[in-house]
Amino acid sequence: MKTKNTDKHRSEVMLHLMYIREMVDANHKHLEKVNGRLNKAENNITKIVAIGSTVLSLLTIAITAMGVFK
């Protein structure tokens, strides 16, 4: 048989669970935004590294060619 305290406790627990669910959903939405920004930043870093590697390779070839054809 249910008592008044049991019903009160159950409603309080449900209220807290609903609050926790709202906070978890808010955190999930925020993490999706952060992950999107992080992916964009990682892609930009990859582009910068690729450009730097290309420039370094071209400079190395140019310096080597200057030494060979001297």
Protein backbone atom coordinates (compact mmCIF):
# COMPACT_ATOMS: atom_id res chain seq x y z
CA MET A 1 0.00 0.00 0.00
CA LYS A 2 1.35 3.40 -0.98
CA THR A 3 1.79 6.02 1.66
CA LYS A 4 1.75 9.76 1.29
CA ASN A 5 5.51 9.95 1.90
CA THR A 6 6.19 7.44 -0.87
CA ASP A 7 4.15 9.45 -3.38
CA LYS A 8 5.84 12.68 -2.29
CA HIS A 9 9.28 11.10 -2.58
CA ARG A 10 8.44 9.68 -6.02
CA SER A 11 7.30 13.07 -7.30
CA GLU A 12 10.44 14.75 -5.95
CA VAL A 13 12.65 12.14 -7.60
CA MET A 14 10.82 12.58 -10.90
CA LEU A 15 11.24 16.36 -10.65
CA HIS A 16 15.00 15.97 -10.10
CA LEU A 17 15.28 13.48 -12.95
CA MET A 18 13.51 15.88 -15.30
CA TYR A 19 15.94 18.64 -14.27
CA ILE A 20 18.92 16.35 -14.84
CA ARG A 21 17.57 15.38 -18.26
CA GLU A 22 17.22 19.03 -19.27
CA MET A 23 20.81 19.73 -18.20
CA VAL A 24 22.15 16.69 -20.07
CA ASP A 25 20.27 17.74 -23.21
CA ALA A 26 21.67 21.27 -22.92
CA ASN A 27 25.20 19.88 -22.50
CA HIS A 28 24.70 17.61 -25.52
CA LYS A 29 23.67 20.57 -27.70
CA HIS A 30 26.66 22.59 -26.49
CA LEU A 31 29.07 19.73 -27.18
CA GLU A 32 27.72 19.39 -30.73
CA LYS A 33 28.56 23.07 -31.33
CA VAL A 34 32.02 22.69 -29.79
CA ASN A 35 32.74 19.58 -31.87
CA GLY A 36 31.73 21.44 -35.02
CA ARG A 37 34.12 24.27 -34.21
CA LEU A 38 36.87 21.82 -33.30
CA ASN A 39 36.50 19.97 -36.60
CA LYS A 40 36.72 23.26 -38.49
CA ALA A 41 39.85 24.27 -36.55
CA GLU A 42 41.47 20.88 -37.18
CA ASN A 43 40.78 21.21 -40.91
CA ASN A 44 42.33 24.69 -40.94
CA ILE A 45 45.43 23.41 -39.14
CA THR A 46 45.75 20.60 -41.67
CA LYS A 47 45.60 23.12 -44.52
CA ILE A 48 48.27 25.30 -42.91
CA VAL A 49 50.57 22.30 -42.38
CA ALA A 50 50.08 21.20 -46.00
CA ILE A 51 50.90 24.68 -47.31
CA GLY A 52 53.97 24.88 -45.05
CA SER A 53 55.20 21.48 -46.22
CA THR A 54 54.75 22.48 -49.85
CA VAL A 55 56.64 25.75 -49.39
CA LEU A 56 59.44 23.97 -47.54
CA SER A 57 59.70 21.36 -50.30
CA LEU A 58 59.85 24.04 -52.98
CA LEU A 59 62.54 25.94 -51.09
CA THR A 60 64.55 22.75 -50.62
CA ILE A 61 64.31 21.98 -54.35
CA ALA A 62 65.30 25.56 -55.24
CA ILE A 63 68.33 25.56 -52.93
CA THR A 64 69.42 22.13 -54.18
CA ALA A 65 69.03 23.24 -57.79
CA MET A 66 71.15 26.33 -57.12
CA GLY A 67 73.91 24.10 -55.75
CA VAL A 68 73.74 21.63 -58.64
CA PHE A 69 73.70 24.20 -61.46
CA LYS A 70 76.39 26.42 -59.97
